[in-house]
N, C-alpha and C. Protein backbone atom coordinates (compact mmCIF):
# COMPACT_ATOMS: atom_id res chain seq x y z
N UNK A 1 0.84 -1.19 0.00
CA UNK A 1 0.00 0.00 0.00
C UNK A 1 0.87 1.25 0.00
N UNK A 2 0.35 2.29 -0.61
CA UNK A 2 1.08 3.54 -0.72
C UNK A 2 0.88 4.41 0.52
N UNK A 3 1.68 5.46 0.59
CA UNK A 3 1.54 6.44 1.66
C UNK A 3 0.24 7.22 1.44
N UNK A 4 -0.22 7.89 2.49
CA UNK A 4 -1.46 8.64 2.40
C UNK A 4 -1.18 10.10 2.04
N UNK A 5 -1.92 10.66 1.08
CA UNK A 5 -1.78 12.08 0.77
C UNK A 5 -2.61 12.96 1.71
N UNK A 6 -3.36 12.34 2.62
CA UNK A 6 -4.25 13.05 3.53
C UNK A 6 -3.57 13.29 4.88
N UNK A 7 -3.91 14.38 5.52
CA UNK A 7 -3.45 14.64 6.88
C UNK A 7 -4.22 13.75 7.84
N UNK A 8 -3.59 13.32 8.94
CA UNK A 8 -4.33 12.53 9.93
C UNK A 8 -5.57 13.28 10.39
N UNK A 9 -6.66 12.54 10.56
CA UNK A 9 -7.93 13.14 10.97
C UNK A 9 -8.80 13.59 9.81
N UNK A 10 -8.27 13.52 8.58
CA UNK A 10 -9.05 13.94 7.41
C UNK A 10 -10.27 13.05 7.21
N UNK A 11 -11.36 13.67 6.77
CA UNK A 11 -12.56 12.92 6.41
C UNK A 11 -12.49 12.56 4.94
N UNK A 12 -12.82 11.31 4.62
CA UNK A 12 -12.78 10.82 3.25
C UNK A 12 -14.01 9.97 2.97
N UNK A 13 -14.28 9.76 1.69
CA UNK A 13 -15.29 8.80 1.27
C UNK A 13 -14.59 7.73 0.44
N UNK A 14 -15.24 6.59 0.30
CA UNK A 14 -14.68 5.48 -0.47
C UNK A 14 -15.64 5.12 -1.59
N UNK A 15 -15.07 4.62 -2.69
CA UNK A 15 -15.88 4.07 -3.77
C UNK A 15 -15.28 2.73 -4.17
N UNK A 16 -16.15 1.73 -4.30
CA UNK A 16 -15.74 0.39 -4.72
C UNK A 16 -16.66 -0.06 -5.84
N UNK A 17 -16.09 -0.80 -6.78
CA UNK A 17 -16.89 -1.37 -7.87
C UNK A 17 -16.37 -2.75 -8.17
N UNK A 18 -17.30 -3.65 -8.34
CA UNK A 18 -16.98 -5.02 -8.72
C UNK A 18 -17.72 -5.31 -10.01
N UNK A 19 -17.00 -5.85 -10.98
CA UNK A 19 -17.67 -6.30 -12.20
C UNK A 19 -17.33 -7.77 -12.38
N UNK A 20 -18.28 -8.51 -12.87
CA UNK A 20 -18.08 -9.94 -13.03
C UNK A 20 -17.11 -10.21 -14.17
N UNK A 21 -16.56 -11.39 -14.19
CA UNK A 21 -15.64 -11.77 -15.25
C UNK A 21 -14.40 -12.43 -14.68
N UNK A 22 -13.90 -13.42 -15.38
CA UNK A 22 -12.77 -14.18 -14.89
C UNK A 22 -11.43 -13.55 -15.27
N UNK A 23 -11.39 -12.64 -16.24
CA UNK A 23 -10.12 -12.15 -16.76
C UNK A 23 -9.59 -10.94 -16.01
N UNK A 24 -10.23 -10.55 -14.94
CA UNK A 24 -9.79 -9.35 -14.26
C UNK A 24 -8.68 -9.60 -13.26
N UNK A 25 -8.40 -10.84 -12.96
CA UNK A 25 -7.30 -11.14 -12.06
C UNK A 25 -7.46 -10.47 -10.72
N UNK A 26 -6.44 -9.74 -10.31
CA UNK A 26 -6.43 -9.10 -8.99
C UNK A 26 -7.54 -8.07 -8.85
N UNK A 27 -7.98 -7.48 -9.94
CA UNK A 27 -9.02 -6.45 -9.88
C UNK A 27 -10.38 -7.05 -9.54
N UNK A 28 -10.49 -8.38 -9.52
CA UNK A 28 -11.75 -9.06 -9.31
C UNK A 28 -12.09 -9.19 -7.82
N UNK A 29 -11.68 -8.24 -7.03
CA UNK A 29 -11.94 -8.25 -5.59
C UNK A 29 -13.33 -7.69 -5.34
N UNK A 30 -14.10 -8.34 -4.48
CA UNK A 30 -15.47 -7.90 -4.22
C UNK A 30 -15.50 -6.51 -3.61
N UNK A 31 -16.65 -5.86 -3.72
CA UNK A 31 -16.79 -4.53 -3.14
C UNK A 31 -16.58 -4.58 -1.63
N UNK A 32 -17.04 -5.66 -1.00
CA UNK A 32 -16.85 -5.80 0.46
C UNK A 32 -15.36 -5.83 0.79
N UNK A 33 -14.59 -6.62 0.04
CA UNK A 33 -13.15 -6.70 0.28
C UNK A 33 -12.46 -5.37 0.00
N UNK A 34 -12.89 -4.68 -1.06
CA UNK A 34 -12.30 -3.38 -1.37
C UNK A 34 -12.54 -2.40 -0.23
N UNK A 35 -13.77 -2.34 0.26
CA UNK A 35 -14.11 -1.43 1.36
C UNK A 35 -13.33 -1.80 2.62
N UNK A 36 -13.20 -3.11 2.89
CA UNK A 36 -12.42 -3.54 4.07
C UNK A 36 -10.97 -3.08 3.96
N UNK A 37 -10.40 -3.18 2.76
CA UNK A 37 -9.01 -2.74 2.59
C UNK A 37 -8.89 -1.22 2.70
N UNK A 38 -9.89 -0.50 2.22
CA UNK A 38 -9.90 0.96 2.36
C UNK A 38 -10.05 1.33 3.83
N UNK A 39 -10.91 0.61 4.56
CA UNK A 39 -11.06 0.86 6.00
C UNK A 39 -9.74 0.63 6.73
N UNK A 40 -9.02 -0.42 6.36
CA UNK A 40 -7.72 -0.70 6.98
C UNK A 40 -6.73 0.43 6.67
N UNK A 41 -6.76 0.93 5.44
CA UNK A 41 -5.90 2.05 5.06
C UNK A 41 -6.24 3.28 5.91
N UNK A 42 -7.54 3.54 6.06
CA UNK A 42 -7.99 4.69 6.86
C UNK A 42 -7.54 4.54 8.32
N UNK A 43 -7.68 3.35 8.86
CA UNK A 43 -7.27 3.10 10.24
C UNK A 43 -5.77 3.33 10.40
N UNK A 44 -4.99 2.79 9.47
CA UNK A 44 -3.54 2.91 9.52
C UNK A 44 -3.09 4.37 9.46
N UNK A 45 -3.81 5.19 8.69
CA UNK A 45 -3.40 6.59 8.48
C UNK A 45 -4.26 7.60 9.25
N UNK A 46 -5.06 7.09 10.20
CA UNK A 46 -5.88 7.94 11.06
C UNK A 46 -6.83 8.84 10.23
N UNK A 47 -7.54 8.21 9.29
CA UNK A 47 -8.51 8.92 8.46
C UNK A 47 -9.92 8.54 8.91
N UNK A 48 -10.87 9.45 8.72
CA UNK A 48 -12.25 9.20 9.09
C UNK A 48 -13.04 8.90 7.81
N UNK A 49 -13.48 7.66 7.68
CA UNK A 49 -14.28 7.26 6.52
C UNK A 49 -15.74 7.61 6.81
N UNK A 50 -16.26 8.65 6.14
CA UNK A 50 -17.61 9.12 6.44
C UNK A 50 -18.69 8.43 5.62
N UNK A 51 -18.31 7.86 4.47
CA UNK A 51 -19.31 7.16 3.65
C UNK A 51 -18.58 6.26 2.65
N UNK A 52 -19.15 5.09 2.41
CA UNK A 52 -18.62 4.17 1.41
C UNK A 52 -19.72 3.91 0.37
N UNK A 53 -19.38 4.09 -0.88
CA UNK A 53 -20.29 3.84 -1.99
C UNK A 53 -19.77 2.61 -2.74
N UNK A 54 -20.69 1.76 -3.22
CA UNK A 54 -20.25 0.55 -3.91
C UNK A 54 -21.27 0.13 -4.96
N UNK A 55 -20.77 -0.18 -6.14
CA UNK A 55 -21.57 -0.74 -7.22
C UNK A 55 -21.09 -2.15 -7.47
N UNK A 56 -22.00 -3.12 -7.41
CA UNK A 56 -21.64 -4.52 -7.59
C UNK A 56 -22.12 -5.03 -8.94
N UNK A 57 -21.28 -5.84 -9.58
CA UNK A 57 -21.59 -6.50 -10.84
C UNK A 57 -21.94 -5.52 -11.94
N UNK A 58 -21.21 -4.40 -11.98
CA UNK A 58 -21.44 -3.39 -13.01
C UNK A 58 -20.13 -3.05 -13.71
N UNK A 59 -20.21 -2.89 -15.01
CA UNK A 59 -19.05 -2.55 -15.82
C UNK A 59 -18.61 -1.12 -15.54
N UNK A 60 -17.33 -0.88 -15.66
CA UNK A 60 -16.79 0.46 -15.51
C UNK A 60 -16.67 1.21 -16.82
N UNK A 61 -17.21 0.62 -17.90
CA UNK A 61 -17.09 1.27 -19.21
C UNK A 61 -18.04 2.44 -19.38
N UNK A 62 -18.97 2.60 -18.46
CA UNK A 62 -19.91 3.71 -18.50
C UNK A 62 -20.37 4.01 -17.07
N UNK A 63 -20.81 5.24 -16.86
CA UNK A 63 -21.36 5.59 -15.54
C UNK A 63 -22.88 5.42 -15.53
N UNK A 64 -23.46 5.05 -16.66
CA UNK A 64 -24.90 4.80 -16.73
C UNK A 64 -25.22 3.56 -15.90
N UNK A 65 -26.27 3.65 -15.09
CA UNK A 65 -26.74 2.57 -14.21
C UNK A 65 -25.80 2.28 -13.06
N UNK A 66 -24.74 3.06 -12.90
CA UNK A 66 -23.87 2.91 -11.72
C UNK A 66 -24.41 3.89 -10.68
N UNK A 67 -25.50 3.46 -10.05
CA UNK A 67 -26.24 4.34 -9.15
C UNK A 67 -25.39 4.87 -8.00
N UNK A 68 -24.56 4.02 -7.41
CA UNK A 68 -23.74 4.45 -6.29
C UNK A 68 -22.63 5.41 -6.74
N UNK A 69 -22.08 5.19 -7.92
CA UNK A 69 -21.09 6.12 -8.45
C UNK A 69 -21.71 7.49 -8.62
N UNK A 70 -22.88 7.52 -9.24
CA UNK A 70 -23.56 8.79 -9.48
C UNK A 70 -23.99 9.45 -8.17
N UNK A 71 -24.39 8.65 -7.19
CA UNK A 71 -24.73 9.18 -5.87
C UNK A 71 -23.49 9.78 -5.20
N UNK A 72 -22.36 9.09 -5.34
CA UNK A 72 -21.11 9.59 -4.78
C UNK A 72 -20.74 10.94 -5.40
N UNK A 73 -20.87 11.04 -6.72
CA UNK A 73 -20.56 12.30 -7.40
C UNK A 73 -21.48 13.41 -6.90
N UNK A 74 -22.78 13.13 -6.78
CA UNK A 74 -23.71 14.14 -6.25
C UNK A 74 -23.33 14.53 -4.82
N UNK A 75 -23.02 13.54 -4.01
CA UNK A 75 -22.64 13.77 -2.62
C UNK A 75 -21.43 14.70 -2.54
N UNK A 76 -20.40 14.39 -3.29
CA UNK A 76 -19.17 15.19 -3.23
C UNK A 76 -19.31 16.55 -3.88
N UNK A 77 -19.99 16.62 -5.02
CA UNK A 77 -20.08 17.90 -5.73
C UNK A 77 -21.05 18.87 -5.07
N UNK A 78 -21.94 18.36 -4.23
CA UNK A 78 -22.89 19.24 -3.56
C UNK A 78 -22.40 19.71 -2.19
N UNK A 79 -21.31 19.15 -1.72
CA UNK A 79 -20.81 19.45 -0.36
C UNK A 79 -19.88 20.65 -0.40
N UNK A 80 -19.99 21.48 0.62
CA UNK A 80 -19.00 22.56 0.73
C UNK A 80 -17.67 21.98 1.20
N UNK A 81 -16.62 22.44 0.62
CA UNK A 81 -15.29 22.05 1.08
C UNK A 81 -15.02 22.83 2.35
N UNK A 82 -14.23 22.47 3.29
CA UNK A 82 -13.34 21.30 3.27
C UNK A 82 -13.78 20.18 4.21
N UNK A 83 -15.08 19.97 4.42
CA UNK A 83 -15.47 18.94 5.39
C UNK A 83 -14.99 17.54 4.99
N UNK A 84 -15.05 17.21 3.71
CA UNK A 84 -14.50 15.95 3.21
C UNK A 84 -13.31 16.32 2.32
N UNK A 85 -12.17 15.71 2.61
CA UNK A 85 -10.97 16.07 1.86
C UNK A 85 -10.75 15.27 0.59
N UNK A 86 -11.35 14.08 0.50
CA UNK A 86 -11.07 13.33 -0.71
C UNK A 86 -11.78 12.00 -0.81
N UNK A 87 -11.39 11.31 -1.86
CA UNK A 87 -11.98 10.03 -2.26
C UNK A 87 -10.88 8.98 -2.29
N UNK A 88 -11.18 7.83 -1.71
CA UNK A 88 -10.26 6.69 -1.79
C UNK A 88 -10.94 5.61 -2.61
N UNK A 89 -10.25 5.16 -3.64
CA UNK A 89 -10.71 4.03 -4.46
C UNK A 89 -9.65 2.95 -4.39
N UNK A 90 -10.07 1.72 -4.32
CA UNK A 90 -9.13 0.61 -4.16
C UNK A 90 -8.15 0.57 -5.32
N UNK A 91 -8.63 0.82 -6.54
CA UNK A 91 -7.80 0.82 -7.74
C UNK A 91 -8.40 1.80 -8.73
N UNK A 92 -7.56 2.45 -9.52
CA UNK A 92 -8.05 3.41 -10.51
C UNK A 92 -9.03 2.75 -11.49
N UNK A 93 -8.85 1.48 -11.75
CA UNK A 93 -9.76 0.79 -12.67
C UNK A 93 -11.16 0.64 -12.09
N UNK A 94 -11.29 0.74 -10.79
CA UNK A 94 -12.61 0.65 -10.16
C UNK A 94 -13.39 1.95 -10.35
N UNK A 95 -12.71 3.06 -10.54
CA UNK A 95 -13.38 4.35 -10.75
C UNK A 95 -14.05 4.37 -12.11
N UNK A 96 -13.31 4.05 -13.16
CA UNK A 96 -13.87 4.03 -14.52
C UNK A 96 -12.90 3.29 -15.44
N UNK A 97 -13.45 2.63 -16.43
CA UNK A 97 -12.64 1.98 -17.46
C UNK A 97 -12.87 2.65 -18.82
N UNK A 98 -13.37 3.85 -18.77
CA UNK A 98 -13.55 4.66 -19.97
C UNK A 98 -12.71 5.91 -19.75
N UNK A 99 -11.77 6.16 -20.64
CA UNK A 99 -10.83 7.27 -20.47
C UNK A 99 -11.54 8.60 -20.30
N UNK A 100 -12.53 8.89 -21.13
CA UNK A 100 -13.23 10.17 -21.04
C UNK A 100 -13.99 10.31 -19.73
N UNK A 101 -14.70 9.25 -19.32
CA UNK A 101 -15.42 9.28 -18.04
C UNK A 101 -14.45 9.49 -16.89
N UNK A 102 -13.35 8.75 -16.89
CA UNK A 102 -12.38 8.85 -15.80
C UNK A 102 -11.83 10.27 -15.70
N UNK A 103 -11.40 10.80 -16.82
CA UNK A 103 -10.80 12.14 -16.81
C UNK A 103 -11.82 13.22 -16.45
N UNK A 104 -13.03 13.12 -16.99
CA UNK A 104 -14.07 14.11 -16.74
C UNK A 104 -14.46 14.15 -15.27
N UNK A 105 -14.78 12.99 -14.71
CA UNK A 105 -15.27 12.95 -13.33
C UNK A 105 -14.16 13.28 -12.33
N UNK A 106 -12.96 12.83 -12.59
CA UNK A 106 -11.85 13.18 -11.69
C UNK A 106 -11.60 14.69 -11.74
N UNK A 107 -11.68 15.28 -12.93
CA UNK A 107 -11.48 16.73 -13.05
C UNK A 107 -12.54 17.50 -12.26
N UNK A 108 -13.79 17.03 -12.34
CA UNK A 108 -14.85 17.68 -11.56
C UNK A 108 -14.52 17.67 -10.07
N UNK A 109 -14.07 16.52 -9.58
CA UNK A 109 -13.76 16.40 -8.15
C UNK A 109 -12.55 17.25 -7.78
N UNK A 110 -11.54 17.22 -8.62
CA UNK A 110 -10.33 17.99 -8.30
C UNK A 110 -10.58 19.50 -8.36
N UNK A 111 -11.45 19.92 -9.25
CA UNK A 111 -11.79 21.35 -9.30
C UNK A 111 -12.47 21.82 -8.02
N UNK A 112 -13.12 20.90 -7.33
CA UNK A 112 -13.73 21.22 -6.02
C UNK A 112 -12.71 21.09 -4.88
N UNK A 113 -11.50 20.65 -5.21
CA UNK A 113 -10.44 20.56 -4.20
C UNK A 113 -10.24 19.19 -3.58
N UNK A 114 -10.91 18.18 -4.10
CA UNK A 114 -10.78 16.83 -3.53
C UNK A 114 -9.50 16.15 -4.00
N UNK A 115 -8.94 15.36 -3.11
CA UNK A 115 -7.82 14.49 -3.44
C UNK A 115 -8.41 13.14 -3.81
N UNK A 116 -7.91 12.52 -4.87
CA UNK A 116 -8.34 11.18 -5.28
C UNK A 116 -7.15 10.27 -5.10
N UNK A 117 -7.35 9.20 -4.32
CA UNK A 117 -6.21 8.33 -4.00
C UNK A 117 -6.59 6.86 -4.08
N UNK A 118 -5.67 6.09 -4.62
CA UNK A 118 -5.79 4.63 -4.63
C UNK A 118 -4.62 4.05 -3.84
N UNK A 119 -4.91 3.32 -2.76
CA UNK A 119 -3.82 2.72 -1.98
C UNK A 119 -3.04 1.64 -2.73
N UNK A 120 -3.63 1.06 -3.78
CA UNK A 120 -2.96 -0.03 -4.48
C UNK A 120 -2.20 0.44 -5.71
N UNK A 121 -2.50 1.60 -6.24
CA UNK A 121 -1.77 2.14 -7.38
C UNK A 121 -0.73 3.13 -6.85
N UNK A 122 0.49 3.00 -7.27
CA UNK A 122 1.56 3.84 -6.78
C UNK A 122 1.61 5.14 -7.60
N UNK A 123 0.59 5.98 -7.40
CA UNK A 123 0.48 7.23 -8.16
C UNK A 123 0.44 8.39 -7.17
N UNK A 124 1.35 9.33 -7.35
CA UNK A 124 1.42 10.49 -6.46
C UNK A 124 0.39 11.53 -6.86
N UNK A 125 0.07 12.42 -5.91
CA UNK A 125 -0.92 13.47 -6.15
C UNK A 125 -0.23 14.77 -6.56
N UNK A 126 0.49 14.70 -7.68
CA UNK A 126 1.14 15.88 -8.23
C UNK A 126 1.05 15.79 -9.76
N UNK A 127 1.68 16.72 -10.46
CA UNK A 127 1.58 16.75 -11.92
C UNK A 127 2.13 15.48 -12.56
N UNK A 128 3.26 14.98 -12.04
CA UNK A 128 3.81 13.73 -12.57
C UNK A 128 2.84 12.57 -12.35
N UNK A 129 2.21 12.56 -11.18
CA UNK A 129 1.22 11.52 -10.89
C UNK A 129 0.02 11.60 -11.82
N UNK A 130 -0.37 12.80 -12.18
CA UNK A 130 -1.51 12.97 -13.10
C UNK A 130 -1.19 12.37 -14.47
N UNK A 131 0.06 12.51 -14.91
CA UNK A 131 0.45 11.90 -16.18
C UNK A 131 0.35 10.38 -16.08
N UNK A 132 0.89 9.81 -15.02
CA UNK A 132 0.83 8.35 -14.82
C UNK A 132 -0.64 7.91 -14.71
N UNK A 133 -1.44 8.68 -14.00
CA UNK A 133 -2.86 8.35 -13.85
C UNK A 133 -3.56 8.37 -15.21
N UNK A 134 -3.24 9.34 -16.06
CA UNK A 134 -3.84 9.41 -17.40
C UNK A 134 -3.46 8.19 -18.23
N UNK A 135 -2.22 7.78 -18.14
CA UNK A 135 -1.77 6.59 -18.86
C UNK A 135 -2.49 5.36 -18.31
N UNK A 136 -2.65 5.29 -17.00
CA UNK A 136 -3.36 4.18 -16.37
C UNK A 136 -4.81 4.14 -16.85
N UNK A 137 -5.46 5.29 -16.92
CA UNK A 137 -6.84 5.35 -17.42
C UNK A 137 -6.92 4.87 -18.87
N UNK A 138 -5.95 5.27 -19.69
CA UNK A 138 -5.88 4.83 -21.08
C UNK A 138 -5.72 3.31 -21.15
N UNK A 139 -4.80 2.78 -20.36
CA UNK A 139 -4.56 1.33 -20.37
C UNK A 139 -5.76 0.56 -19.85
N UNK A 140 -6.49 1.10 -18.88
CA UNK A 140 -7.71 0.44 -18.40
C UNK A 140 -8.74 0.32 -19.51
N UNK A 141 -8.90 1.38 -20.31
CA UNK A 141 -9.85 1.32 -21.42
C UNK A 141 -9.35 0.34 -22.48
N UNK A 142 -8.05 0.36 -22.79
CA UNK A 142 -7.51 -0.58 -23.79
C UNK A 142 -7.72 -2.02 -23.36
N UNK A 143 -7.53 -2.31 -22.08
CA UNK A 143 -7.73 -3.67 -21.60
C UNK A 143 -9.19 -4.09 -21.78
N UNK A 144 -10.11 -3.19 -21.48
CA UNK A 144 -11.53 -3.50 -21.65
C UNK A 144 -11.85 -3.78 -23.11
N UNK A 145 -11.31 -2.97 -24.00
CA UNK A 145 -11.55 -3.18 -25.44
C UNK A 145 -10.97 -4.51 -25.90
N UNK A 146 -9.78 -4.87 -25.40
CA UNK A 146 -9.15 -6.14 -25.78
C UNK A 146 -9.97 -7.33 -25.29
N UNK A 147 -10.45 -7.26 -24.06
CA UNK A 147 -11.28 -8.35 -23.52
C UNK A 147 -12.55 -8.49 -24.36
N UNK A 148 -13.16 -7.38 -24.73
CA UNK A 148 -14.36 -7.42 -25.56
C UNK A 148 -14.09 -8.10 -26.90
N UNK A 149 -12.98 -7.75 -27.53
CA UNK A 149 -12.61 -8.38 -28.81
C UNK A 149 -12.36 -9.87 -28.64
N UNK A 150 -11.67 -10.24 -27.56
CA UNK A 150 -11.37 -11.65 -27.31
C UNK A 150 -12.66 -12.45 -27.11
N UNK A 151 -13.60 -11.91 -26.36
CA UNK A 151 -14.87 -12.60 -26.11
C UNK A 151 -15.65 -12.77 -27.42
N UNK A 152 -15.74 -11.72 -28.20
CA UNK A 152 -16.46 -11.79 -29.49
C UNK A 152 -15.83 -12.83 -30.41
N UNK A 153 -14.48 -12.85 -30.46
CA UNK A 153 -13.79 -13.81 -31.30
C UNK A 153 -14.07 -15.24 -30.83
N UNK A 154 -14.05 -15.47 -29.52
CA UNK A 154 -14.29 -16.80 -28.97
C UNK A 154 -15.73 -17.25 -29.24
N UNK A 155 -16.69 -16.34 -29.07
CA UNK A 155 -18.09 -16.69 -29.34
C UNK A 155 -18.30 -17.02 -30.82
N UNK A 156 -17.68 -16.24 -31.70
CA UNK A 156 -17.80 -16.50 -33.13
C UNK A 156 -17.17 -17.85 -33.47
N UNK A 157 -16.03 -18.16 -32.87
CA UNK A 157 -15.36 -19.42 -33.10
C UNK A 157 -16.23 -20.60 -32.65
N UNK A 158 -16.83 -20.48 -31.46
CA UNK A 158 -17.71 -21.54 -30.96
C UNK A 158 -18.90 -21.76 -31.89
N UNK A 159 -19.44 -20.67 -32.41
CA UNK A 159 -20.58 -20.79 -33.32
C UNK A 159 -20.15 -21.49 -34.61
N UNK A 160 -19.00 -21.11 -35.15
CA UNK A 160 -18.53 -21.71 -36.40
C UNK A 160 -18.15 -23.17 -36.23
N UNK A 161 -17.52 -23.51 -35.11
CA UNK A 161 -17.06 -24.89 -34.88
C UNK A 161 -18.20 -25.82 -34.48
N UNK A 162 -19.05 -25.33 -33.57
CA UNK A 162 -20.03 -26.20 -32.95
C UNK A 162 -21.48 -25.87 -33.24
N UNK A 163 -21.70 -24.73 -33.90
CA UNK A 163 -23.05 -24.32 -34.22
C UNK A 163 -23.88 -23.91 -33.00
N UNK A 164 -23.21 -23.57 -31.92
CA UNK A 164 -23.93 -23.17 -30.71
C UNK A 164 -24.10 -21.67 -30.66
N UNK A 165 -25.26 -21.27 -30.18
CA UNK A 165 -25.54 -19.85 -30.00
C UNK A 165 -25.13 -19.46 -28.57
N UNK A 166 -24.40 -18.38 -28.45
CA UNK A 166 -23.98 -17.98 -27.10
C UNK A 166 -25.16 -17.48 -26.28
N UNK A 167 -25.02 -17.65 -24.97
CA UNK A 167 -26.03 -17.12 -24.05
C UNK A 167 -25.70 -15.68 -23.69
N UNK A 168 -26.36 -15.19 -22.67
CA UNK A 168 -26.07 -13.83 -22.23
C UNK A 168 -24.80 -13.77 -21.44
């Protein structure tokens, strides 16, 4: 885990997202486990977790139907600063897997003065870190696109070889 960019005693919120699928590897941690790890991070760094938002079994390729994500954005954007200092997400890929969504929503939060931090991604909260974060957001979208292509190719192959129609 990385160091905390927050001062001890800072109030933070958490966001967790779990999407189904076998190819996510380490990112396939449940929302409960993500929140537990964020709580441990908060305890270790003397942070006050005031609210945890979580979307389960939802893709990060869009913010549509991610009710808790949208609730979190409303919660943070409607609050006067500085009562809550920032957002902790278990991994940048949990925030969004769409480059435009990730950049847009993070910019909204940062313009309000919030710090966005992932304890598992070694990204600093400075200009150099923003470059690394942008590359990470790009790679998250590329991975999603590659998985989509691989699934479509496999389904087409199964249909051609075995004549089976894929399910949902």
